């Protein structure tokens, strides 16, 4: 009898903790100034330090960054700002000028 009560109690506690966890969502962000593998590595490394982000994939050919994150720890605007702080445009948020100036020459926007 004690074993049955213990198993039921453990099961209820286990279900309660799973219900409290937020699920991760995935978004695609246009990053029009991404040009090469160095750009990809810079953004992926920079976002790896942001809280709540679980996965980052930069496609420099499509100029798109896919980010998976927990909504209870960060939000889309914070992620876009982090990309801008790394020196790249993120949709409507322009790159932070000091970070942009520190990028390698190959990672800067081509002059038209």
PDB file of N, CA and C in Angstrom:
ATOM      1  N   UNK A   1       0.819  -1.200   0.000  1.00  0.00           N
ATOM      2  CA  UNK A   1       0.000   0.000   0.000  1.00  0.00           C
ATOM      3  C   UNK A   1       0.861   1.262   0.000  1.00  0.00           C
ATOM      4  N   UNK A   2       1.945   1.230   0.782  1.00  0.00           N
ATOM      5  CA  UNK A   2       2.824   2.390   0.841  1.00  0.00           C
ATOM      6  C   UNK A   2       3.465   2.654  -0.516  1.00  0.00           C
ATOM      7  N   UNK A   3       3.801   1.586  -1.226  1.00  0.00           N
ATOM      8  CA  UNK A   3       4.430   1.733  -2.546  1.00  0.00           C
ATOM      9  C   UNK A   3       3.458   2.386  -3.533  1.00  0.00           C
ATOM     10  N   UNK A   4       2.205   2.000  -3.488  1.00  0.00           N
ATOM     11  CA  UNK A   4       1.205   2.566  -4.400  1.00  0.00           C
ATOM     12  C   UNK A   4       1.012   4.052  -4.114  1.00  0.00           C
ATOM     13  N   UNK A   5       0.933   4.424  -2.854  1.00  0.00           N
ATOM     14  CA  UNK A   5       0.773   5.822  -2.479  1.00  0.00           C
ATOM     15  C   UNK A   5       2.003   6.620  -2.921  1.00  0.00           C
ATOM     16  N   UNK A   6       3.190   6.061  -2.710  1.00  0.00           N
ATOM     17  CA  UNK A   6       4.427   6.732  -3.096  1.00  0.00           C
ATOM     18  C   UNK A   6       4.492   6.927  -4.619  1.00  0.00           C
ATOM     19  N   UNK A   7       4.123   5.914  -5.383  1.00  0.00           N
ATOM     20  CA  UNK A   7       4.131   6.003  -6.849  1.00  0.00           C
ATOM     21  C   UNK A   7       3.126   7.055  -7.327  1.00  0.00           C
ATOM     22  N   UNK A   8       1.935   7.056  -6.777  1.00  0.00           N
ATOM     23  CA  UNK A   8       0.932   8.045  -7.156  1.00  0.00           C
ATOM     24  C   UNK A   8       1.387   9.452  -6.796  1.00  0.00           C
ATOM     25  N   UNK A   9       1.965   9.625  -5.624  1.00  0.00           N
ATOM     26  CA  UNK A   9       2.464  10.929  -5.190  1.00  0.00           C
ATOM     27  C   UNK A   9       3.579  11.404  -6.121  1.00  0.00           C
ATOM     28  N   UNK A  10       4.504  10.524  -6.465  1.00  0.00           N
ATOM     29  CA  UNK A  10       5.600  10.866  -7.381  1.00  0.00           C
ATOM     30  C   UNK A  10       5.075  11.245  -8.762  1.00  0.00           C
ATOM     31  N   UNK A  11       4.085  10.524  -9.217  1.00  0.00           N
ATOM     32  CA  UNK A  11       3.489  10.810 -10.522  1.00  0.00           C
ATOM     33  C   UNK A  11       2.820  12.179 -10.540  1.00  0.00           C
ATOM     34  N   UNK A  12       2.092  12.515  -9.506  1.00  0.00           N
ATOM     35  CA  UNK A  12       1.421  13.821  -9.417  1.00  0.00           C
ATOM     36  C   UNK A  12       2.442  14.947  -9.362  1.00  0.00           C
ATOM     37  N   UNK A  13       3.494  14.793  -8.581  1.00  0.00           N
ATOM     38  CA  UNK A  13       4.547  15.808  -8.485  1.00  0.00           C
ATOM     39  C   UNK A  13       5.235  15.960  -9.846  1.00  0.00           C
ATOM     40  N   UNK A  14       5.520  14.869 -10.502  1.00  0.00           N
ATOM     41  CA  UNK A  14       6.174  14.903 -11.815  1.00  0.00           C
ATOM     42  C   UNK A  14       5.336  15.608 -12.860  1.00  0.00           C
ATOM     43  N   UNK A  15       4.050  15.368 -12.874  1.00  0.00           N
ATOM     44  CA  UNK A  15       3.164  16.032 -13.827  1.00  0.00           C
ATOM     45  C   UNK A  15       3.053  17.520 -13.536  1.00  0.00           C
ATOM     46  N   UNK A  16       3.062  17.890 -12.276  1.00  0.00           N
ATOM     47  CA  UNK A  16       2.961  19.297 -11.893  1.00  0.00           C
ATOM     48  C   UNK A  16       4.170  20.097 -12.343  1.00  0.00           C
ATOM     49  N   UNK A  17       5.356  19.531 -12.247  1.00  0.00           N
ATOM     50  CA  UNK A  17       6.557  20.267 -12.660  1.00  0.00           C
ATOM     51  C   UNK A  17       6.639  20.368 -14.174  1.00  0.00           C
ATOM     52  N   UNK A  18       6.175  19.382 -14.903  1.00  0.00           N
ATOM     53  CA  UNK A  18       6.185  19.461 -16.368  1.00  0.00           C
ATOM     54  C   UNK A  18       5.214  20.513 -16.881  1.00  0.00           C
ATOM     55  N   UNK A  19       4.121  20.713 -16.205  1.00  0.00           N
ATOM     56  CA  UNK A  19       3.119  21.684 -16.640  1.00  0.00           C
ATOM     57  C   UNK A  19       3.628  23.113 -16.502  1.00  0.00           C
ATOM     58  N   UNK A  20       4.592  23.341 -15.624  1.00  0.00           N
ATOM     59  CA  UNK A  20       5.084  24.686 -15.388  1.00  0.00           C
ATOM     60  C   UNK A  20       6.150  25.120 -16.386  1.00  0.00           C
ATOM     61  N   UNK A  21       6.748  24.195 -17.103  1.00  0.00           N
ATOM     62  CA  UNK A  21       7.803  24.541 -18.043  1.00  0.00           C
ATOM     63  C   UNK A  21       7.213  25.157 -19.305  1.00  0.00           C
ATOM     64  N   UNK A  22       7.803  26.269 -19.730  1.00  0.00           N
ATOM     65  CA  UNK A  22       7.381  26.902 -20.981  1.00  0.00           C
ATOM     66  C   UNK A  22       8.033  26.172 -22.140  1.00  0.00           C
ATOM     67  N   UNK A  23       7.352  26.146 -23.255  1.00  0.00           N
ATOM     68  CA  UNK A  23       7.912  25.516 -24.437  1.00  0.00           C
ATOM     69  C   UNK A  23       8.729  26.530 -25.219  1.00  0.00           C
ATOM     70  N   UNK A  24       9.701  26.022 -25.905  1.00  0.00           N
ATOM     71  CA  UNK A  24      10.533  26.872 -26.755  1.00  0.00           C
ATOM     72  C   UNK A  24       9.801  27.116 -28.076  1.00  0.00           C
ATOM     73  N   UNK A  25       9.955  28.320 -28.616  1.00  0.00           N
ATOM     74  CA  UNK A  25       9.390  28.613 -29.929  1.00  0.00           C
ATOM     75  C   UNK A  25      10.536  28.973 -30.872  1.00  0.00           C
ATOM     76  N   UNK A  26      10.280  28.831 -32.153  1.00  0.00           N
ATOM     77  CA  UNK A  26      11.284  29.116 -33.172  1.00  0.00           C
ATOM     78  C   UNK A  26      10.787  30.241 -34.060  1.00  0.00           C
ATOM     79  N   UNK A  27      11.668  31.232 -34.304  1.00  0.00           N
ATOM     80  CA  UNK A  27      11.333  32.352 -35.173  1.00  0.00           C
ATOM     81  C   UNK A  27      12.422  32.506 -36.235  1.00  0.00           C
ATOM     82  N   UNK A  28      12.027  33.102 -37.346  1.00  0.00           N
ATOM     83  CA  UNK A  28      12.976  33.416 -38.412  1.00  0.00           C
ATOM     84  C   UNK A  28      13.083  34.930 -38.511  1.00  0.00           C
ATOM     85  N   UNK A  29      14.308  35.420 -38.461  1.00  0.00           N
ATOM     86  CA  UNK A  29      14.571  36.855 -38.486  1.00  0.00           C
ATOM     87  C   UNK A  29      15.383  37.174 -39.733  1.00  0.00           C
ATOM     88  N   UNK A  30      14.926  38.156 -40.501  1.00  0.00           N
ATOM     89  CA  UNK A  30      15.686  38.581 -41.674  1.00  0.00           C
ATOM     90  C   UNK A  30      16.915  39.346 -41.208  1.00  0.00           C
ATOM     91  N   UNK A  31      18.076  38.901 -41.684  1.00  0.00           N
ATOM     92  CA  UNK A  31      19.343  39.560 -41.371  1.00  0.00           C
ATOM     93  C   UNK A  31      20.023  39.896 -42.702  1.00  0.00           C
ATOM     94  N   UNK A  32      19.621  41.002 -43.316  1.00  0.00           N
ATOM     95  CA  UNK A  32      20.044  41.304 -44.680  1.00  0.00           C
ATOM     96  C   UNK A  32      21.527  41.627 -44.858  1.00  0.00           C
ATOM     97  N   UNK A  33      22.241  41.923 -43.783  1.00  0.00           N
ATOM     98  CA  UNK A  33      23.646  42.294 -43.927  1.00  0.00           C
ATOM     99  C   UNK A  33      24.603  41.128 -43.686  1.00  0.00           C
ATOM    100  N   UNK A  34      24.085  39.936 -43.440  1.00  0.00           N
ATOM    101  CA  UNK A  34      24.922  38.756 -43.254  1.00  0.00           C
ATOM    102  C   UNK A  34      25.461  38.324 -44.613  1.00  0.00           C
ATOM    103  N   UNK A  35      26.796  38.105 -44.704  1.00  0.00           N
ATOM    104  CA  UNK A  35      27.396  37.856 -46.010  1.00  0.00           C
ATOM    105  C   UNK A  35      28.221  36.580 -46.122  1.00  0.00           C
ATOM    106  N   UNK A  36      28.776  36.086 -45.004  1.00  0.00           N
ATOM    107  CA  UNK A  36      29.733  34.985 -45.128  1.00  0.00           C
ATOM    108  C   UNK A  36      29.735  34.111 -43.870  1.00  0.00           C
ATOM    109  N   UNK A  37      30.621  33.126 -43.869  1.00  0.00           N
ATOM    110  CA  UNK A  37      30.751  32.226 -42.723  1.00  0.00           C
ATOM    111  C   UNK A  37      31.178  32.970 -41.454  1.00  0.00           C
ATOM    112  N   UNK A  38      32.000  34.008 -41.588  1.00  0.00           N
ATOM    113  CA  UNK A  38      32.418  34.785 -40.415  1.00  0.00           C
ATOM    114  C   UNK A  38      31.219  35.493 -39.790  1.00  0.00           C
ATOM    115  N   UNK A  39      30.345  36.022 -40.632  1.00  0.00           N
ATOM    116  CA  UNK A  39      29.121  36.657 -40.135  1.00  0.00           C
ATOM    117  C   UNK A  39      28.293  35.632 -39.361  1.00  0.00           C
ATOM    118  N   UNK A  40      28.136  34.475 -39.951  1.00  0.00           N
ATOM    119  CA  UNK A  40      27.372  33.389 -39.337  1.00  0.00           C
ATOM    120  C   UNK A  40      27.937  33.050 -37.962  1.00  0.00           C
ATOM    121  N   UNK A  41      29.243  32.860 -37.896  1.00  0.00           N
ATOM    122  CA  UNK A  41      29.890  32.507 -36.634  1.00  0.00           C
ATOM    123  C   UNK A  41      29.751  33.625 -35.598  1.00  0.00           C
ATOM    124  N   UNK A  42      29.897  34.872 -36.033  1.00  0.00           N
ATOM    125  CA  UNK A  42      29.785  36.004 -35.109  1.00  0.00           C
ATOM    126  C   UNK A  42      28.405  36.038 -34.455  1.00  0.00           C
ATOM    127  N   UNK A  43      27.353  35.938 -35.262  1.00  0.00           N
ATOM    128  CA  UNK A  43      25.989  35.989 -34.718  1.00  0.00           C
ATOM    129  C   UNK A  43      25.714  34.777 -33.834  1.00  0.00           C
ATOM    130  N   UNK A  44      26.071  33.598 -34.305  1.00  0.00           N
ATOM    131  CA  UNK A  44      25.811  32.393 -33.517  1.00  0.00           C
ATOM    132  C   UNK A  44      26.554  32.430 -32.182  1.00  0.00           C
ATOM    133  N   UNK A  45      27.802  32.882 -32.190  1.00  0.00           N
ATOM    134  CA  UNK A  45      28.556  32.989 -30.944  1.00  0.00           C
ATOM    135  C   UNK A  45      27.949  34.036 -30.018  1.00  0.00           C
ATOM    136  N   UNK A  46      27.576  35.177 -30.573  1.00  0.00           N
ATOM    137  CA  UNK A  46      27.013  36.263 -29.766  1.00  0.00           C
ATOM    138  C   UNK A  46      25.705  35.833 -29.107  1.00  0.00           C
ATOM    139  N   UNK A  47      24.833  35.193 -29.866  1.00  0.00           N
ATOM    140  CA  UNK A  47      23.538  34.785 -29.328  1.00  0.00           C
ATOM    141  C   UNK A  47      23.642  33.600 -28.371  1.00  0.00           C
ATOM    142  N   UNK A  48      24.737  32.856 -28.427  1.00  0.00           N
ATOM    143  CA  UNK A  48      24.888  31.716 -27.520  1.00  0.00           C
ATOM    144  C   UNK A  48      24.989  32.162 -26.060  1.00  0.00           C
ATOM    145  N   UNK A  49      25.340  33.433 -25.830  1.00  0.00           N
ATOM    146  CA  UNK A  49      25.445  33.958 -24.469  1.00  0.00           C
ATOM    147  C   UNK A  49      24.144  34.597 -23.975  1.00  0.00           C
ATOM    148  N   UNK A  50      23.156  34.709 -24.824  1.00  0.00           N
ATOM    149  CA  UNK A  50      21.880  35.314 -24.433  1.00  0.00           C
ATOM    150  C   UNK A  50      21.032  34.300 -23.671  1.00  0.00           C
ATOM    151  N   UNK A  51      20.451  34.746 -22.577  1.00  0.00           N
ATOM    152  CA  UNK A  51      19.637  33.870 -21.750  1.00  0.00           C
ATOM    153  C   UNK A  51      18.349  33.475 -22.470  1.00  0.00           C
ATOM    154  N   UNK A  52      18.008  32.202 -22.389  1.00  0.00           N
ATOM    155  CA  UNK A  52      16.760  31.711 -22.955  1.00  0.00           C
ATOM    156  C   UNK A  52      16.859  31.200 -24.375  1.00  0.00           C
ATOM    157  N   UNK A  53      17.960  31.488 -25.052  1.00  0.00           N
ATOM    158  CA  UNK A  53      18.125  31.028 -26.433  1.00  0.00           C
ATOM    159  C   UNK A  53      18.737  29.633 -26.411  1.00  0.00           C
ATOM    160  N   UNK A  54      18.075  28.695 -27.082  1.00  0.00           N
ATOM    161  CA  UNK A  54      18.544  27.317 -27.067  1.00  0.00           C
ATOM    162  C   UNK A  54      19.222  26.900 -28.365  1.00  0.00           C
ATOM    163  N   UNK A  55      18.877  27.563 -29.473  1.00  0.00           N
ATOM    164  CA  UNK A  55      19.450  27.166 -30.759  1.00  0.00           C
ATOM    165  C   UNK A  55      19.464  28.357 -31.702  1.00  0.00           C
ATOM    166  N   UNK A  56      20.563  28.495 -32.447  1.00  0.00           N
ATOM    167  CA  UNK A  56      20.695  29.571 -33.434  1.00  0.00           C
ATOM    168  C   UNK A  56      21.270  28.963 -34.703  1.00  0.00           C
ATOM    169  N   UNK A  57      20.656  29.282 -35.822  1.00  0.00           N
ATOM    170  CA  UNK A  57      21.154  28.835 -37.111  1.00  0.00           C
ATOM    171  C   UNK A  57      21.081  30.009 -38.079  1.00  0.00           C
ATOM    172  N   UNK A  58      22.237  30.432 -38.573  1.00  0.00           N
ATOM    173  CA  UNK A  58      22.305  31.555 -39.508  1.00  0.00           C
ATOM    174  C   UNK A  58      22.516  30.992 -40.903  1.00  0.00           C
ATOM    175  N   UNK A  59      21.639  31.367 -41.820  1.00  0.00           N
ATOM    176  CA  UNK A  59      21.766  30.996 -43.227  1.00  0.00           C
ATOM    177  C   UNK A  59      22.153  32.259 -43.988  1.00  0.00           C
ATOM    178  N   UNK A  60      23.447  32.413 -44.267  1.00  0.00           N
ATOM    179  CA  UNK A  60      23.904  33.644 -44.897  1.00  0.00           C
ATOM    180  C   UNK A  60      23.513  33.716 -46.368  1.00  0.00           C
ATOM    181  N   UNK A  61      23.237  32.599 -46.992  1.00  0.00           N
ATOM    182  CA  UNK A  61      22.794  32.619 -48.391  1.00  0.00           C
ATOM    183  C   UNK A  61      21.366  33.142 -48.499  1.00  0.00           C
ATOM    184  N   UNK A  62      20.513  32.737 -47.574  1.00  0.00           N
ATOM    185  CA  UNK A  62      19.124  33.207 -47.545  1.00  0.00           C
ATOM    186  C   UNK A  62      18.977  34.503 -46.762  1.00  0.00           C
ATOM    187  N   UNK A  63      20.069  34.903 -46.052  1.00  0.00           N
ATOM    188  CA  UNK A  63      20.079  36.110 -45.211  1.00  0.00           C
ATOM    189  C   UNK A  63      18.973  36.042 -44.155  1.00  0.00           C
ATOM    190  N   UNK A  64      18.961  34.890 -43.461  1.00  0.00           N
ATOM    191  CA  UNK A  64      17.929  34.640 -42.456  1.00  0.00           C
ATOM    192  C   UNK A  64      18.558  33.939 -41.254  1.00  0.00           C
ATOM    193  N   UNK A  65      18.130  34.328 -40.072  1.00  0.00           N
ATOM    194  CA  UNK A  65      18.598  33.702 -38.836  1.00  0.00           C
ATOM    195  C   UNK A  65      17.414  33.050 -38.143  1.00  0.00           C
ATOM    196  N   UNK A  66      17.553  31.769 -37.842  1.00  0.00           N
ATOM    197  CA  UNK A  66      16.507  31.017 -37.157  1.00  0.00           C
ATOM    198  C   UNK A  66      16.932  30.836 -35.708  1.00  0.00           C
ATOM    199  N   UNK A  67      16.051  31.253 -34.797  1.00  0.00           N
ATOM    200  CA  UNK A  67      16.370  31.219 -33.365  1.00  0.00           C
ATOM    201  C   UNK A  67      15.256  30.482 -32.626  1.00  0.00           C
ATOM    202  N   UNK A  68      15.663  29.563 -31.750  1.00  0.00           N
ATOM    203  CA  UNK A  68      14.734  28.875 -30.861  1.00  0.00           C
ATOM    204  C   UNK A  68      15.001  29.381 -29.453  1.00  0.00           C
ATOM    205  N   UNK A  69      13.929  29.798 -28.768  1.00  0.00           N
ATOM    206  CA  UNK A  69      14.105  30.390 -27.441  1.00  0.00           C
ATOM    207  C   UNK A  69      12.888  30.135 -26.561  1.00  0.00           C
ATOM    208  N   UNK A  70      13.112  30.300 -25.244  1.00  0.00           N
ATOM    209  CA  UNK A  70      12.036  30.178 -24.264  1.00  0.00           C
ATOM    210  C   UNK A  70      11.408  31.541 -24.045  1.00  0.00           C
ATOM    211  N   UNK A  71      10.103  31.630 -24.194  1.00  0.00           N
ATOM    212  CA  UNK A  71       9.398  32.908 -24.098  1.00  0.00           C
ATOM    213  C   UNK A  71       9.370  33.482 -22.684  1.00  0.00           C
ATOM    214  N   UNK A  72       9.603  32.660 -21.683  1.00  0.00           N
ATOM    215  CA  UNK A  72       9.615  33.185 -20.318  1.00  0.00           C
ATOM    216  C   UNK A  72      10.972  33.775 -19.932  1.00  0.00           C
ATOM    217  N   UNK A  73      11.969  33.638 -20.807  1.00  0.00           N
ATOM    218  CA  UNK A  73      13.305  34.164 -20.503  1.00  0.00           C
ATOM    219  C   UNK A  73      13.738  35.309 -21.410  1.00  0.00           C
ATOM    220  N   UNK A  74      13.206  35.377 -22.608  1.00  0.00           N
ATOM    221  CA  UNK A  74      13.544  36.461 -23.532  1.00  0.00           C
ATOM    222  C   UNK A  74      12.398  36.647 -24.509  1.00  0.00           C
ATOM    223  N   UNK A  75      12.541  37.611 -25.408  1.00  0.00           N
ATOM    224  CA  UNK A  75      11.498  37.839 -26.407  1.00  0.00           C
ATOM    225  C   UNK A  75      12.142  38.207 -27.741  1.00  0.00           C
ATOM    226  N   UNK A  76      11.326  38.332 -28.764  1.00  0.00           N
ATOM    227  CA  UNK A  76      11.812  38.579 -30.112  1.00  0.00           C
ATOM    228  C   UNK A  76      12.570  39.898 -30.212  1.00  0.00           C
ATOM    229  N   UNK A  77      12.091  40.939 -29.561  1.00  0.00           N
ATOM    230  CA  UNK A  77      12.760  42.243 -29.620  1.00  0.00           C
ATOM    231  C   UNK A  77      14.152  42.179 -28.995  1.00  0.00           C
ATOM    232  N   UNK A  78      14.297  41.451 -27.894  1.00  0.00           N
ATOM    233  CA  UNK A  78      15.614  41.298 -27.269  1.00  0.00           C
ATOM    234  C   UNK A  78      16.579  40.561 -28.193  1.00  0.00           C
ATOM    235  N   UNK A  79      16.079  39.576 -28.906  1.00  0.00           N
ATOM    236  CA  UNK A  79      16.925  38.814 -29.826  1.00  0.00           C
ATOM    237  C   UNK A  79      17.366  39.698 -30.989  1.00  0.00           C
ATOM    238  N   UNK A  80      16.431  40.469 -31.552  1.00  0.00           N
ATOM    239  CA  UNK A  80      16.784  41.381 -32.642  1.00  0.00           C
ATOM    240  C   UNK A  80      17.813  42.410 -32.175  1.00  0.00           C
ATOM    241  N   UNK A  81      17.634  42.918 -30.971  1.00  0.00           N
ATOM    242  CA  UNK A  81      18.579  43.890 -30.415  1.00  0.00           C
ATOM    243  C   UNK A  81      19.951  43.253 -30.221  1.00  0.00           C
ATOM    244  N   UNK A  82      19.987  42.020 -29.790  1.00  0.00           N
ATOM    245  CA  UNK A  82      21.259  41.320 -29.616  1.00  0.00           C
ATOM    246  C   UNK A  82      21.975  41.151 -30.954  1.00  0.00           C
ATOM    247  N   UNK A  83      21.223  40.836 -32.009  1.00  0.00           N
ATOM    248  CA  UNK A  83      21.829  40.721 -33.339  1.00  0.00           C
ATOM    249  C   UNK A  83      22.379  42.077 -33.768  1.00  0.00           C
ATOM    250  N   UNK A  84      21.619  43.131 -33.531  1.00  0.00           N
ATOM    251  CA  UNK A  84      22.083  44.484 -33.876  1.00  0.00           C
ATOM    252  C   UNK A  84      23.324  44.852 -33.066  1.00  0.00           C
ATOM    253  N   UNK A  85      23.381  44.429 -31.818  1.00  0.00           N
ATOM    254  CA  UNK A  85      24.545  44.702 -30.980  1.00  0.00           C
ATOM    255  C   UNK A  85      25.782  43.930 -31.429  1.00  0.00           C
ATOM    256  N   UNK A  86      25.583  42.866 -32.195  1.00  0.00           N
ATOM    257  CA  UNK A  86      26.721  42.120 -32.728  1.00  0.00           C
ATOM    258  C   UNK A  86      27.244  42.741 -34.027  1.00  0.00           C
ATOM    259  N   UNK A  87      26.512  43.748 -34.560  1.00  0.00           N
ATOM    260  CA  UNK A  87      26.987  44.473 -35.734  1.00  0.00           C
ATOM    261  C   UNK A  87      26.198  44.252 -37.009  1.00  0.00           C
ATOM    262  N   UNK A  88      25.063  43.588 -36.917  1.00  0.00           N
ATOM    263  CA  UNK A  88      24.272  43.258 -38.112  1.00  0.00           C
ATOM    264  C   UNK A  88      22.850  43.794 -37.986  1.00  0.00           C
ATOM    265  N   UNK A  89      22.241  44.114 -39.118  1.00  0.00           N
ATOM    266  CA  UNK A  89      20.840  44.529 -39.133  1.00  0.00           C
ATOM    267  C   UNK A  89      19.958  43.315 -38.838  1.00  0.00           C
ATOM    268  N   UNK A  90      18.886  43.546 -38.102  1.00  0.00           N
ATOM    269  CA  UNK A  90      17.919  42.493 -37.801  1.00  0.00           C
ATOM    270  C   UNK A  90      16.532  43.053 -38.069  1.00  0.00           C
ATOM    271  N   UNK A  91      16.026  42.777 -39.262  1.00  0.00           N
ATOM    272  CA  UNK A  91      14.747  43.305 -39.739  1.00  0.00           C
ATOM    273  C   UNK A  91      14.725  44.815 -39.613  1.00  0.00           C
ATOM    274  N   UNK A  92      13.891  45.366 -38.719  1.00  0.00           N
ATOM    275  CA  UNK A  92      13.739  46.819 -38.619  1.00  0.00           C
ATOM    276  C   UNK A  92      14.752  47.480 -37.685  1.00  0.00           C
ATOM    277  N   UNK A  93      15.598  46.706 -37.032  1.00  0.00           N
ATOM    278  CA  UNK A  93      16.596  47.261 -36.110  1.00  0.00           C
ATOM    279  C   UNK A  93      17.957  47.294 -36.804  1.00  0.00           C
ATOM    280  N   UNK A  94      18.524  48.477 -36.892  1.00  0.00           N
ATOM    281  CA  UNK A  94      19.812  48.663 -37.567  1.00  0.00           C
ATOM    282  C   UNK A  94      20.962  48.252 -36.656  1.00  0.00           C
ATOM    283  N   UNK A  95      22.067  47.875 -37.272  1.00  0.00           N
ATOM    284  CA  UNK A  95      23.257  47.454 -36.542  1.00  0.00           C
ATOM    285  C   UNK A  95      23.791  48.579 -35.669  1.00  0.00           C
ATOM    286  N   UNK A  96      24.318  48.207 -34.517  1.00  0.00           N
ATOM    287  CA  UNK A  96      24.968  49.154 -33.617  1.00  0.00           C
ATOM    288  C   UNK A  96      26.283  49.568 -34.274  1.00  0.00           C
ATOM    289  N   UNK A  97      26.502  50.866 -34.435  1.00  0.00           N
ATOM    290  CA  UNK A  97      27.591  51.386 -35.257  1.00  0.00           C
ATOM    291  C   UNK A  97      28.975  50.983 -34.753  1.00  0.00           C
ATOM    292  N   UNK A  98      29.210  50.997 -33.447  1.00  0.00           N
ATOM    293  CA  UNK A  98      30.523  50.611 -32.922  1.00  0.00           C
ATOM    294  C   UNK A  98      30.818  49.138 -33.195  1.00  0.00           C
ATOM    295  N   UNK A  99      29.824  48.289 -33.022  1.00  0.00           N
ATOM    296  CA  UNK A  99      29.998  46.859 -33.298  1.00  0.00           C
ATOM    297  C   UNK A  99      30.205  46.636 -34.795  1.00  0.00           C
ATOM    298  N   UNK A 100      29.464  47.370 -35.619  1.00  0.00           N
ATOM    299  CA  UNK A 100      29.609  47.253 -37.072  1.00  0.00           C
ATOM    300  C   UNK A 100      31.024  47.632 -37.505  1.00  0.00           C
ATOM    301  N   UNK A 101      31.564  48.700 -36.936  1.00  0.00           N
ATOM    302  CA  UNK A 101      32.910  49.145 -37.294  1.00  0.00           C
ATOM    303  C   UNK A 101      33.987  48.144 -36.910  1.00  0.00           C
ATOM    304  N   UNK A 102      33.729  47.284 -35.939  1.00  0.00           N
ATOM    305  CA  UNK A 102      34.698  46.276 -35.507  1.00  0.00           C
ATOM    306  C   UNK A 102      34.649  45.000 -36.340  1.00  0.00           C
ATOM    307  N   UNK A 103      33.644  44.876 -37.220  1.00  0.00           N
ATOM    308  CA  UNK A 103      33.525  43.679 -38.043  1.00  0.00           C
ATOM    309  C   UNK A 103      34.672  43.610 -39.059  1.00  0.00           C
ATOM    310  N   UNK A 104      35.039  42.391 -39.469  1.00  0.00           N
ATOM    311  CA  UNK A 104      36.027  42.268 -40.537  1.00  0.00           C
ATOM    312  C   UNK A 104      35.502  42.899 -41.822  1.00  0.00           C
ATOM    313  N   UNK A 105      36.389  43.278 -42.695  1.00  0.00           N
ATOM    314  CA  UNK A 105      36.011  43.974 -43.933  1.00  0.00           C
ATOM    315  C   UNK A 105      35.027  43.153 -44.774  1.00  0.00           C
ATOM    316  N   UNK A 106      35.219  41.847 -44.794  1.00  0.00           N
ATOM    317  CA  UNK A 106      34.349  40.987 -45.604  1.00  0.00           C
ATOM    318  C   UNK A 106      32.919  40.934 -45.067  1.00  0.00           C
ATOM    319  N   UNK A 107      32.705  41.320 -43.814  1.00  0.00           N
ATOM    320  CA  UNK A 107      31.398  41.257 -43.191  1.00  0.00           C
ATOM    321  C   UNK A 107      30.613  42.559 -43.267  1.00  0.00           C
ATOM    322  N   UNK A 108      31.221  43.590 -43.820  1.00  0.00           N
ATOM    323  CA  UNK A 108      30.548  44.886 -43.925  1.00  0.00           C
ATOM    324  C   UNK A 108      29.745  44.942 -45.208  1.00  0.00           C
ATOM    325  N   UNK A 109      28.705  45.771 -45.193  1.00  0.00           N
ATOM    326  CA  UNK A 109      27.823  45.922 -46.363  1.00  0.00           C
ATOM    327  C   UNK A 109      28.622  46.415 -47.558  1.00  0.00           C
ATOM    328  N   UNK A 110      28.351  45.831 -48.737  1.00  0.00           N
ATOM    329  CA  UNK A 110      29.021  46.340 -49.933  1.00  0.00           C
ATOM    330  C   UNK A 110      28.516  47.743 -50.268  1.00  0.00           C
ATOM    331  N   UNK A 111      29.438  48.594 -50.677  1.00  0.00           N
ATOM    332  CA  UNK A 111      29.083  49.971 -51.041  1.00  0.00           C
ATOM    333  C   UNK A 111      28.484  49.956 -52.428  1.00  0.00           C
ATOM    334  N   UNK A 112      27.312  50.571 -52.561  1.00  0.00           N
ATOM    335  CA  UNK A 112      26.630  50.582 -53.870  1.00  0.00           C
ATOM    336  C   UNK A 112      26.772  51.914 -54.529  1.00  0.00           C
TER     337      UNK A 112
END
